[in-house]
Amino acid sequence: MTNSLGEKIRRLRKEQKLTLDKLAELSGSSKSYIWELENKNPPRPSAEKLTKIAEVLGVTIEYLLDEKQAISEEDAVDVQFYREYRHMDADTKEKIREMVKLWGKPG
């Protein structure tokens, strides 16, 4: 049986050119913990650590844990962005809205 969680973490980590050490550092985990998530079957993730790993990888914890692949990576990235956006100050939100308006205008 494959470890869907581990496969997703490994793929995203490699796509972002992160080593086990770097992902561990950025997420406040140990290298061995990341390795176990990627390679043990079944993995035994901590919700708190997995949430931080998902944030570093730019997706949601729901995406990482979704065994049926009902959540696309694109949707997970969008949801993660919106979660970050909700905590931004009003000026930053306004700048982002203005940038999006500019991108939508015909050149």
PDB file of N, CA and C in Angstrom:
ATOM      1  N   MET A   1       0.842  -1.189   0.000  1.00  0.00           N
ATOM      2  CA  MET A   1       0.000   0.000   0.000  1.00  0.00           C
ATOM      3  C   MET A   1       0.886   1.252   0.000  1.00  0.00           C
ATOM      4  N   THR A   2       0.504   2.222  -0.796  1.00  0.00           N
ATOM      5  CA  THR A   2       1.303   3.442  -0.894  1.00  0.00           C
ATOM      6  C   THR A   2       0.907   4.427   0.201  1.00  0.00           C
ATOM      7  N   ASN A   3       1.803   5.318   0.469  1.00  0.00           N
ATOM      8  CA  ASN A   3       1.614   6.354   1.466  1.00  0.00           C
ATOM      9  C   ASN A   3       1.345   7.656   0.720  1.00  0.00           C
ATOM     10  N   SER A   4       0.069   7.969   0.499  1.00  0.00           N
ATOM     11  CA  SER A   4      -0.315   9.155  -0.268  1.00  0.00           C
ATOM     12  C   SER A   4       0.215  10.435   0.365  1.00  0.00           C
ATOM     13  N   LEU A   5       0.128  10.525   1.694  1.00  0.00           N
ATOM     14  CA  LEU A   5       0.633  11.697   2.406  1.00  0.00           C
ATOM     15  C   LEU A   5       2.122  11.879   2.131  1.00  0.00           C
ATOM     16  N   GLY A   6       2.879  10.816   2.298  1.00  0.00           N
ATOM     17  CA  GLY A   6       4.319  10.879   2.072  1.00  0.00           C
ATOM     18  C   GLY A   6       4.677  11.227   0.651  1.00  0.00           C
ATOM     19  N   GLU A   7       3.937  10.654  -0.302  1.00  0.00           N
ATOM     20  CA  GLU A   7       4.197  10.948  -1.719  1.00  0.00           C
ATOM     21  C   GLU A   7       3.955  12.421  -2.020  1.00  0.00           C
ATOM     22  N   LYS A   8       2.886  12.977  -1.464  1.00  0.00           N
ATOM     23  CA  LYS A   8       2.577  14.391  -1.708  1.00  0.00           C
ATOM     24  C   LYS A   8       3.649  15.294  -1.089  1.00  0.00           C
ATOM     25  N   ILE A   9       4.035  14.998   0.141  1.00  0.00           N
ATOM     26  CA  ILE A   9       5.063  15.816   0.791  1.00  0.00           C
ATOM     27  C   ILE A   9       6.360  15.757   0.000  1.00  0.00           C
ATOM     28  N   ARG A  10       6.789  14.554  -0.386  1.00  0.00           N
ATOM     29  CA  ARG A  10       8.042  14.391  -1.136  1.00  0.00           C
ATOM     30  C   ARG A  10       7.985  15.143  -2.469  1.00  0.00           C
ATOM     31  N   ARG A  11       6.870  14.980  -3.201  1.00  0.00           N
ATOM     32  CA  ARG A  11       6.742  15.634  -4.512  1.00  0.00           C
ATOM     33  C   ARG A  11       6.782  17.151  -4.370  1.00  0.00           C
ATOM     34  N   LEU A  12       6.007  17.684  -3.439  1.00  0.00           N
ATOM     35  CA  LEU A  12       5.987  19.139  -3.247  1.00  0.00           C
ATOM     36  C   LEU A  12       7.338  19.652  -2.776  1.00  0.00           C
ATOM     37  N   ARG A  13       7.969  18.922  -1.876  1.00  0.00           N
ATOM     38  CA  ARG A  13       9.288  19.321  -1.367  1.00  0.00           C
ATOM     39  C   ARG A  13      10.293  19.383  -2.499  1.00  0.00           C
ATOM     40  N   LYS A  14      10.282  18.364  -3.359  1.00  0.00           N
ATOM     41  CA  LYS A  14      11.245  18.325  -4.467  1.00  0.00           C
ATOM     42  C   LYS A  14      10.925  19.391  -5.518  1.00  0.00           C
ATOM     43  N   GLU A  15       9.641  19.611  -5.788  1.00  0.00           N
ATOM     44  CA  GLU A  15       9.255  20.655  -6.744  1.00  0.00           C
ATOM     45  C   GLU A  15       9.761  22.024  -6.284  1.00  0.00           C
ATOM     46  N   GLN A  16       9.775  22.222  -4.980  1.00  0.00           N
ATOM     47  CA  GLN A  16      10.217  23.496  -4.420  1.00  0.00           C
ATOM     48  C   GLN A  16      11.710  23.489  -4.087  1.00  0.00           C
ATOM     49  N   LYS A  17      12.381  22.416  -4.505  1.00  0.00           N
ATOM     50  CA  LYS A  17      13.826  22.267  -4.322  1.00  0.00           C
ATOM     51  C   LYS A  17      14.229  22.401  -2.849  1.00  0.00           C
ATOM     52  N   LEU A  18      13.426  21.777  -1.986  1.00  0.00           N
ATOM     53  CA  LEU A  18      13.723  21.773  -0.557  1.00  0.00           C
ATOM     54  C   LEU A  18      14.313  20.423  -0.167  1.00  0.00           C
ATOM     55  N   THR A  19      15.363  20.446   0.590  1.00  0.00           N
ATOM     56  CA  THR A  19      15.919  19.213   1.133  1.00  0.00           C
ATOM     57  C   THR A  19      15.094  18.815   2.358  1.00  0.00           C
ATOM     58  N   LEU A  20      15.306  17.594   2.822  1.00  0.00           N
ATOM     59  CA  LEU A  20      14.661  17.180   4.067  1.00  0.00           C
ATOM     60  C   LEU A  20      15.043  18.144   5.190  1.00  0.00           C
ATOM     61  N   ASP A  21      16.328  18.492   5.244  1.00  0.00           N
ATOM     62  CA  ASP A  21      16.811  19.414   6.278  1.00  0.00           C
ATOM     63  C   ASP A  21      16.102  20.762   6.214  1.00  0.00           C
ATOM     64  N   LYS A  22      15.970  21.307   5.006  1.00  0.00           N
ATOM     65  CA  LYS A  22      15.386  22.645   4.864  1.00  0.00           C
ATOM     66  C   LYS A  22      13.901  22.635   5.219  1.00  0.00           C
ATOM     67  N   LEU A  23      13.159  21.629   4.744  1.00  0.00           N
ATOM     68  CA  LEU A  23      11.741  21.551   5.092  1.00  0.00           C
ATOM     69  C   LEU A  23      11.584  21.386   6.599  1.00  0.00           C
ATOM     70  N   ALA A  24      12.430  20.575   7.194  1.00  0.00           N
ATOM     71  CA  ALA A  24      12.386  20.389   8.641  1.00  0.00           C
ATOM     72  C   ALA A  24      12.631  21.721   9.359  1.00  0.00           C
ATOM     73  N   GLU A  25      13.641  22.453   8.925  1.00  0.00           N
ATOM     74  CA  GLU A  25      13.968  23.746   9.539  1.00  0.00           C
ATOM     75  C   GLU A  25      12.804  24.728   9.407  1.00  0.00           C
ATOM     76  N   LEU A  26      12.252  24.843   8.201  1.00  0.00           N
ATOM     77  CA  LEU A  26      11.180  25.807   7.952  1.00  0.00           C
ATOM     78  C   LEU A  26       9.883  25.462   8.676  1.00  0.00           C
ATOM     79  N   SER A  27       9.670  24.177   8.931  1.00  0.00           N
ATOM     80  CA  SER A  27       8.414  23.751   9.546  1.00  0.00           C
ATOM     81  C   SER A  27       8.544  23.471  11.047  1.00  0.00           C
ATOM     82  N   GLY A  28       9.762  23.628  11.579  1.00  0.00           N
ATOM     83  CA  GLY A  28       9.957  23.374  12.999  1.00  0.00           C
ATOM     84  C   GLY A  28       9.904  21.900  13.351  1.00  0.00           C
ATOM     85  N   SER A  29      10.246  21.053  12.406  1.00  0.00           N
ATOM     86  CA  SER A  29      10.265  19.604  12.615  1.00  0.00           C
ATOM     87  C   SER A  29      11.705  19.115  12.539  1.00  0.00           C
ATOM     88  N   SER A  30      11.893  17.844  12.725  1.00  0.00           N
ATOM     89  CA  SER A  30      13.221  17.267  12.545  1.00  0.00           C
ATOM     90  C   SER A  30      13.307  16.594  11.175  1.00  0.00           C
ATOM     91  N   LYS A  31      14.514  16.433  10.694  1.00  0.00           N
ATOM     92  CA  LYS A  31      14.737  15.758   9.417  1.00  0.00           C
ATOM     93  C   LYS A  31      14.173  14.337   9.482  1.00  0.00           C
ATOM     94  N   SER A  32      14.385  13.658  10.591  1.00  0.00           N
ATOM     95  CA  SER A  32      13.898  12.282  10.713  1.00  0.00           C
ATOM     96  C   SER A  32      12.371  12.229  10.704  1.00  0.00           C
ATOM     97  N   TYR A  33      11.724  13.255  11.269  1.00  0.00           N
ATOM     98  CA  TYR A  33      10.258  13.296  11.261  1.00  0.00           C
ATOM     99  C   TYR A  33       9.740  13.436   9.829  1.00  0.00           C
ATOM    100  N   ILE A  34      10.333  14.332   9.048  1.00  0.00           N
ATOM    101  CA  ILE A  34       9.926  14.503   7.643  1.00  0.00           C
ATOM    102  C   ILE A  34      10.162  13.196   6.882  1.00  0.00           C
ATOM    103  N   TRP A  35      11.330  12.575   7.109  1.00  0.00           N
ATOM    104  CA  TRP A  35      11.645  11.316   6.433  1.00  0.00           C
ATOM    105  C   TRP A  35      10.597  10.254   6.770  1.00  0.00           C
ATOM    106  N   GLU A  36      10.211  10.167   8.035  1.00  0.00           N
ATOM    107  CA  GLU A  36       9.204   9.181   8.435  1.00  0.00           C
ATOM    108  C   GLU A  36       7.864   9.446   7.759  1.00  0.00           C
ATOM    109  N   LEU A  37       7.461  10.708   7.663  1.00  0.00           N
ATOM    110  CA  LEU A  37       6.206  11.028   6.979  1.00  0.00           C
ATOM    111  C   LEU A  37       6.264  10.588   5.519  1.00  0.00           C
ATOM    112  N   GLU A  38       7.413  10.795   4.893  1.00  0.00           N
ATOM    113  CA  GLU A  38       7.550  10.448   3.484  1.00  0.00           C
ATOM    114  C   GLU A  38       7.669   8.951   3.252  1.00  0.00           C
ATOM    115  N   ASN A  39       8.195   8.216   4.217  1.00  0.00           N
ATOM    116  CA  ASN A  39       8.549   6.821   3.958  1.00  0.00           C
ATOM    117  C   ASN A  39       7.836   5.764   4.794  1.00  0.00           C
ATOM    118  N   LYS A  40       7.348   6.096   5.971  1.00  0.00           N
ATOM    119  CA  LYS A  40       6.693   5.095   6.812  1.00  0.00           C
ATOM    120  C   LYS A  40       5.277   4.842   6.327  1.00  0.00           C
ATOM    121  N   ASN A  41       4.851   3.601   6.475  1.00  0.00           N
ATOM    122  CA  ASN A  41       3.497   3.267   6.079  1.00  0.00           C
ATOM    123  C   ASN A  41       2.861   2.442   7.173  1.00  0.00           C
ATOM    124  N   PRO A  42       1.868   2.922   7.879  1.00  0.00           N
ATOM    125  CA  PRO A  42       1.276   4.252   7.716  1.00  0.00           C
ATOM    126  C   PRO A  42       2.074   5.301   8.487  1.00  0.00           C
ATOM    127  N   PRO A  43       2.060   6.527   7.971  1.00  0.00           N
ATOM    128  CA  PRO A  43       2.741   7.607   8.699  1.00  0.00           C
ATOM    129  C   PRO A  43       1.920   7.963   9.940  1.00  0.00           C
ATOM    130  N   ARG A  44       2.549   8.560  10.914  1.00  0.00           N
ATOM    131  CA  ARG A  44       1.849   8.981  12.136  1.00  0.00           C
ATOM    132  C   ARG A  44       2.062  10.487  12.325  1.00  0.00           C
ATOM    133  N   PRO A  45       1.308  11.268  11.557  1.00  0.00           N
ATOM    134  CA  PRO A  45       1.538  12.719  11.625  1.00  0.00           C
ATOM    135  C   PRO A  45       0.921  13.374  12.852  1.00  0.00           C
ATOM    136  N   SER A  46       1.595  14.394  13.323  1.00  0.00           N
ATOM    137  CA  SER A  46       1.063  15.279  14.354  1.00  0.00           C
ATOM    138  C   SER A  46       0.308  16.387  13.620  1.00  0.00           C
ATOM    139  N   ALA A  47      -0.902  16.681  14.056  1.00  0.00           N
ATOM    140  CA  ALA A  47      -1.702  17.714  13.383  1.00  0.00           C
ATOM    141  C   ALA A  47      -0.981  19.059  13.380  1.00  0.00           C
ATOM    142  N   GLU A  48      -0.367  19.409  14.491  1.00  0.00           N
ATOM    143  CA  GLU A  48       0.330  20.691  14.588  1.00  0.00           C
ATOM    144  C   GLU A  48       1.509  20.750  13.616  1.00  0.00           C
ATOM    145  N   LYS A  49       2.324  19.707  13.588  1.00  0.00           N
ATOM    146  CA  LYS A  49       3.481  19.702  12.698  1.00  0.00           C
ATOM    147  C   LYS A  49       3.054  19.614  11.239  1.00  0.00           C
ATOM    148  N   LEU A  50       2.035  18.821  10.961  1.00  0.00           N
ATOM    149  CA  LEU A  50       1.569  18.686   9.587  1.00  0.00           C
ATOM    150  C   LEU A  50       0.995  20.008   9.069  1.00  0.00           C
ATOM    151  N   THR A  51       0.350  20.760   9.938  1.00  0.00           N
ATOM    152  CA  THR A  51      -0.168  22.082   9.556  1.00  0.00           C
ATOM    153  C   THR A  51       0.980  23.000   9.147  1.00  0.00           C
ATOM    154  N   LYS A  52       2.064  22.984   9.900  1.00  0.00           N
ATOM    155  CA  LYS A  52       3.227  23.824   9.571  1.00  0.00           C
ATOM    156  C   LYS A  52       3.888  23.363   8.279  1.00  0.00           C
ATOM    157  N   ILE A  53       3.977  22.058   8.074  1.00  0.00           N
ATOM    158  CA  ILE A  53       4.556  21.523   6.835  1.00  0.00           C
ATOM    159  C   ILE A  53       3.710  21.959   5.646  1.00  0.00           C
ATOM    160  N   ALA A  54       2.379  21.859   5.778  1.00  0.00           N
ATOM    161  CA  ALA A  54       1.482  22.285   4.699  1.00  0.00           C
ATOM    162  C   ALA A  54       1.672  23.760   4.384  1.00  0.00           C
ATOM    163  N   GLU A  55       1.806  24.598   5.409  1.00  0.00           N
ATOM    164  CA  GLU A  55       2.026  26.034   5.199  1.00  0.00           C
ATOM    165  C   GLU A  55       3.310  26.282   4.431  1.00  0.00           C
ATOM    166  N   VAL A  56       4.382  25.600   4.815  1.00  0.00           N
ATOM    167  CA  VAL A  56       5.667  25.780   4.135  1.00  0.00           C
ATOM    168  C   VAL A  56       5.549  25.355   2.675  1.00  0.00           C
ATOM    169  N   LEU A  57       4.816  24.267   2.420  1.00  0.00           N
ATOM    170  CA  LEU A  57       4.681  23.754   1.056  1.00  0.00           C
ATOM    171  C   LEU A  57       3.622  24.509   0.252  1.00  0.00           C
ATOM    172  N   GLY A  58       2.885  25.411   0.910  1.00  0.00           N
ATOM    173  CA  GLY A  58       1.912  26.253   0.212  1.00  0.00           C
ATOM    174  C   GLY A  58       0.616  25.552  -0.124  1.00  0.00           C
ATOM    175  N   VAL A  59       0.253  24.524   0.657  1.00  0.00           N
ATOM    176  CA  VAL A  59      -1.011  23.818   0.446  1.00  0.00           C
ATOM    177  C   VAL A  59      -1.730  23.723   1.787  1.00  0.00           C
ATOM    178  N   THR A  60      -2.853  23.027   1.798  1.00  0.00           N
ATOM    179  CA  THR A  60      -3.605  22.852   3.033  1.00  0.00           C
ATOM    180  C   THR A  60      -3.355  21.469   3.616  1.00  0.00           C
ATOM    181  N   ILE A  61      -3.596  21.346   4.897  1.00  0.00           N
ATOM    182  CA  ILE A  61      -3.484  20.046   5.545  1.00  0.00           C
ATOM    183  C   ILE A  61      -4.530  19.094   4.963  1.00  0.00           C
ATOM    184  N   GLU A  62      -5.684  19.626   4.578  1.00  0.00           N
ATOM    185  CA  GLU A  62      -6.731  18.799   3.986  1.00  0.00           C
ATOM    186  C   GLU A  62      -6.242  18.143   2.700  1.00  0.00           C
ATOM    187  N   TYR A  63      -5.501  18.898   1.892  1.00  0.00           N
ATOM    188  CA  TYR A  63      -4.949  18.348   0.654  1.00  0.00           C
ATOM    189  C   TYR A  63      -3.963  17.223   0.959  1.00  0.00           C
ATOM    190  N   LEU A  64      -3.082  17.445   1.919  1.00  0.00           N
ATOM    191  CA  LEU A  64      -2.085  16.428   2.244  1.00  0.00           C
ATOM    192  C   LEU A  64      -2.733  15.143   2.742  1.00  0.00           C
ATOM    193  N   LEU A  65      -3.802  15.256   3.501  1.00  0.00           N
ATOM    194  CA  LEU A  65      -4.449  14.084   4.098  1.00  0.00           C
ATOM    195  C   LEU A  65      -5.511  13.447   3.204  1.00  0.00           C
ATOM    196  N   ASP A  66      -5.848  14.078   2.095  1.00  0.00           N
ATOM    197  CA  ASP A  66      -6.905  13.604   1.206  1.00  0.00           C
ATOM    198  C   ASP A  66      -6.453  12.356   0.450  1.00  0.00           C
ATOM    199  N   GLU A  67      -6.859  11.190   0.928  1.00  0.00           N
ATOM    200  CA  GLU A  67      -6.483   9.916   0.309  1.00  0.00           C
ATOM    201  C   GLU A  67      -7.174   9.693  -1.036  1.00  0.00           C
ATOM    202  N   LYS A  68      -8.372  10.223  -1.194  1.00  0.00           N
ATOM    203  CA  LYS A  68      -9.156   9.981  -2.410  1.00  0.00           C
ATOM    204  C   LYS A  68      -8.837  10.973  -3.524  1.00  0.00           C
ATOM    205  N   GLN A  69      -7.955  11.888  -3.246  1.00  0.00           N
ATOM    206  CA  GLN A  69      -7.548  12.933  -4.190  1.00  0.00           C
ATOM    207  C   GLN A  69      -8.748  13.733  -4.704  1.00  0.00           C
ATOM    208  N   ALA A  70      -9.672  14.026  -3.783  1.00  0.00           N
ATOM    209  CA  ALA A  70     -10.846  14.820  -4.125  1.00  0.00           C
ATOM    210  C   ALA A  70     -10.510  16.315  -4.172  1.00  0.00           C
ATOM    211  N   ILE A  71      -9.404  16.698  -3.527  1.00  0.00           N
ATOM    212  CA  ILE A  71      -8.975  18.099  -3.493  1.00  0.00           C
ATOM    213  C   ILE A  71      -7.776  18.233  -4.426  1.00  0.00           C
ATOM    214  N   SER A  72      -7.904  19.119  -5.415  1.00  0.00           N
ATOM    215  CA  SER A  72      -6.782  19.308  -6.337  1.00  0.00           C
ATOM    216  C   SER A  72      -5.701  20.158  -5.676  1.00  0.00           C
ATOM    217  N   GLU A  73      -4.488  19.998  -6.154  1.00  0.00           N
ATOM    218  CA  GLU A  73      -3.393  20.810  -5.623  1.00  0.00           C
ATOM    219  C   GLU A  73      -3.672  22.290  -5.860  1.00  0.00           C
ATOM    220  N   GLU A  74      -4.222  22.613  -7.019  1.00  0.00           N
ATOM    221  CA  GLU A  74      -4.526  24.007  -7.344  1.00  0.00           C
ATOM    222  C   GLU A  74      -5.520  24.602  -6.344  1.00  0.00           C
ATOM    223  N   ASP A  75      -6.570  23.830  -6.017  1.00  0.00           N
ATOM    224  CA  ASP A  75      -7.544  24.310  -5.029  1.00  0.00           C
ATOM    225  C   ASP A  75      -6.889  24.482  -3.664  1.00  0.00           C
ATOM    226  N   ALA A  76      -6.014  23.558  -3.294  1.00  0.00           N
ATOM    227  CA  ALA A  76      -5.338  23.637  -1.997  1.00  0.00           C
ATOM    228  C   ALA A  76      -4.439  24.869  -1.923  1.00  0.00           C
ATOM    229  N   VAL A  77      -3.766  25.179  -3.024  1.00  0.00           N
ATOM    230  CA  VAL A  77      -2.903  26.368  -3.067  1.00  0.00           C
ATOM    231  C   VAL A  77      -3.756  27.630  -2.927  1.00  0.00           C
ATOM    232  N   ASP A  78      -4.906  27.659  -3.611  1.00  0.00           N
ATOM    233  CA  ASP A  78      -5.799  28.813  -3.520  1.00  0.00           C
ATOM    234  C   ASP A  78      -6.336  28.994  -2.103  1.00  0.00           C
ATOM    235  N   VAL A  79      -6.739  27.901  -1.480  1.00  0.00           N
ATOM    236  CA  VAL A  79      -7.260  27.976  -0.116  1.00  0.00           C
ATOM    237  C   VAL A  79      -6.178  28.463   0.840  1.00  0.00           C
ATOM    238  N   GLN A  80      -4.963  27.946   0.674  1.00  0.00           N
ATOM    239  CA  GLN A  80      -3.859  28.379   1.541  1.00  0.00           C
ATOM    240  C   GLN A  80      -3.579  29.869   1.351  1.00  0.00           C
ATOM    241  N   PHE A  81      -3.598  30.331   0.086  1.00  0.00           N
ATOM    242  CA  PHE A  81      -3.394  31.758  -0.168  1.00  0.00           C
ATOM    243  C   PHE A  81      -4.480  32.570   0.529  1.00  0.00           C
ATOM    244  N   TYR A  82      -5.731  32.145   0.421  1.00  0.00           N
ATOM    245  CA  TYR A  82      -6.826  32.898   1.035  1.00  0.00           C
ATOM    246  C   TYR A  82      -6.680  32.933   2.561  1.00  0.00           C
ATOM    247  N   ARG A  83      -6.237  31.838   3.144  1.00  0.00           N
ATOM    248  CA  ARG A  83      -6.020  31.825   4.598  1.00  0.00           C
ATOM    249  C   ARG A  83      -4.960  32.853   4.988  1.00  0.00           C
ATOM    250  N   GLU A  84      -3.907  32.943   4.204  1.00  0.00           N
ATOM    251  CA  GLU A  84      -2.868  33.941   4.479  1.00  0.00           C
ATOM    252  C   GLU A  84      -3.407  35.351   4.244  1.00  0.00           C
ATOM    253  N   TYR A  85      -4.164  35.517   3.168  1.00  0.00           N
ATOM    254  CA  TYR A  85      -4.737  36.813   2.800  1.00  0.00           C
ATOM    255  C   TYR A  85      -5.630  37.358   3.921  1.00  0.00           C
ATOM    256  N   ARG A  86      -6.428  36.485   4.528  1.00  0.00           N
ATOM    257  CA  ARG A  86      -7.355  36.917   5.585  1.00  0.00           C
ATOM    258  C   ARG A  86      -6.626  37.558   6.762  1.00  0.00           C
ATOM    259  N   HIS A  87      -5.375  37.204   6.981  1.00  0.00           N
ATOM    260  CA  HIS A  87      -4.633  37.745   8.129  1.00  0.00           C
ATOM    261  C   HIS A  87      -3.772  38.957   7.772  1.00  0.00           C
ATOM    262  N   MET A  88      -3.852  39.412   6.532  1.00  0.00           N
ATOM    263  CA  MET A  88      -3.059  40.566   6.115  1.00  0.00           C
ATOM    264  C   MET A  88      -3.744  41.859   6.556  1.00  0.00           C
ATOM    265  N   ASP A  89      -2.952  42.915   6.669  1.00  0.00           N
ATOM    266  CA  ASP A  89      -3.533  44.205   7.027  1.00  0.00           C
ATOM    267  C   ASP A  89      -4.271  44.791   5.825  1.00  0.00           C
ATOM    268  N   ALA A  90      -5.116  45.770   6.079  1.00  0.00           N
ATOM    269  CA  ALA A  90      -5.984  46.352   5.048  1.00  0.00           C
ATOM    270  C   ALA A  90      -5.194  46.924   3.873  1.00  0.00           C
ATOM    271  N   ASP A  91      -4.057  47.598   4.137  1.00  0.00           N
ATOM    272  CA  ASP A  91      -3.245  48.173   3.057  1.00  0.00           C
ATOM    273  C   ASP A  91      -2.723  47.095   2.120  1.00  0.00           C
ATOM    274  N   THR A  92      -2.233  46.018   2.687  1.00  0.00           N
ATOM    275  CA  THR A  92      -1.692  44.929   1.864  1.00  0.00           C
ATOM    276  C   THR A  92      -2.805  44.294   1.025  1.00  0.00           C
ATOM    277  N   LYS A  93      -3.966  44.090   1.631  1.00  0.00           N
ATOM    278  CA  LYS A  93      -5.094  43.525   0.885  1.00  0.00           C
ATOM    279  C   LYS A  93      -5.475  44.426  -0.290  1.00  0.00           C
ATOM    280  N   GLU A  94      -5.499  45.734  -0.033  1.00  0.00           N
ATOM    281  CA  GLU A  94      -5.858  46.677  -1.094  1.00  0.00           C
ATOM    282  C   GLU A  94      -4.833  46.639  -2.226  1.00  0.00           C
ATOM    283  N   LYS A  95      -3.554  46.556  -1.899  1.00  0.00           N
ATOM    284  CA  LYS A  95      -2.511  46.463  -2.932  1.00  0.00           C
ATOM    285  C   LYS A  95      -2.685  45.193  -3.772  1.00  0.00           C
ATOM    286  N   ILE A  96      -2.993  44.113  -3.128  1.00  0.00           N
ATOM    287  CA  ILE A  96      -3.201  42.853  -3.861  1.00  0.00           C
ATOM    288  C   ILE A  96      -4.413  42.972  -4.779  1.00  0.00           C
ATOM    289  N   ARG A  97      -5.502  43.562  -4.298  1.00  0.00           N
ATOM    290  CA  ARG A  97      -6.695  43.742  -5.139  1.00  0.00           C
ATOM    291  C   ARG A  97      -6.382  44.626  -6.348  1.00  0.00           C
ATOM    292  N   GLU A  98      -5.592  45.679  -6.139  1.00  0.00           N
ATOM    293  CA  GLU A  98      -5.217  46.563  -7.250  1.00  0.00           C
ATOM    294  C   GLU A  98      -4.360  45.823  -8.282  1.00  0.00           C
ATOM    295  N   MET A  99      -3.426  44.999  -7.802  1.00  0.00           N
ATOM    296  CA  MET A  99      -2.586  44.215  -8.728  1.00  0.00           C
ATOM    297  C   MET A  99      -3.434  43.274  -9.561  1.00  0.00           C
ATOM    298  N   VAL A 100      -4.414  42.639  -8.936  1.00  0.00           N
ATOM    299  CA  VAL A 100      -5.275  41.706  -9.654  1.00  0.00           C
ATOM    300  C   VAL A 100      -6.092  42.453 -10.707  1.00  0.00           C
ATOM    301  N   LYS A 101      -6.560  43.643 -10.372  1.00  0.00           N
ATOM    302  CA  LYS A 101      -7.306  44.453 -11.352  1.00  0.00           C
ATOM    303  C   LYS A 101      -6.427  44.772 -12.554  1.00  0.00           C
ATOM    304  N   LEU A 102      -5.162  45.146 -12.298  1.00  0.00           N
ATOM    305  CA  LEU A 102      -4.238  45.471 -13.390  1.00  0.00           C
ATOM    306  C   LEU A 102      -3.992  44.266 -14.290  1.00  0.00           C
ATOM    307  N   TRP A 103      -3.851  43.094 -13.712  1.00  0.00           N
ATOM    308  CA  TRP A 103      -3.614  41.892 -14.521  1.00  0.00           C
ATOM    309  C   TRP A 103      -4.796  41.583 -15.429  1.00  0.00           C
ATOM    310  N   GLY A 104      -5.994  41.933 -14.978  1.00  0.00           N
ATOM    311  CA  GLY A 104      -7.191  41.614 -15.758  1.00  0.00           C
ATOM    312  C   GLY A 104      -7.489  42.573 -16.882  1.00  0.00           C
ATOM    313  N   LYS A 105      -6.800  43.727 -16.902  1.00  0.00           N
ATOM    314  CA  LYS A 105      -7.057  44.718 -17.941  1.00  0.00           C
ATOM    315  C   LYS A 105      -6.333  44.334 -19.222  1.00  0.00           C
ATOM    316  N   PRO A 106      -7.021  44.541 -20.369  1.00  0.00           N
ATOM    317  CA  PRO A 106      -6.369  44.262 -21.650  1.00  0.00           C
ATOM    318  C   PRO A 106      -5.173  45.186 -21.872  1.00  0.00           C
ATOM    319  N   GLY A 107      -4.098  44.631 -22.381  1.00  0.00           N
ATOM    320  CA  GLY A 107      -2.867  45.411 -22.549  1.00  0.00           C
ATOM    321  C   GLY A 107      -2.871  46.167 -23.761  1.00  0.00           C
TER     322      GLY A 107
END
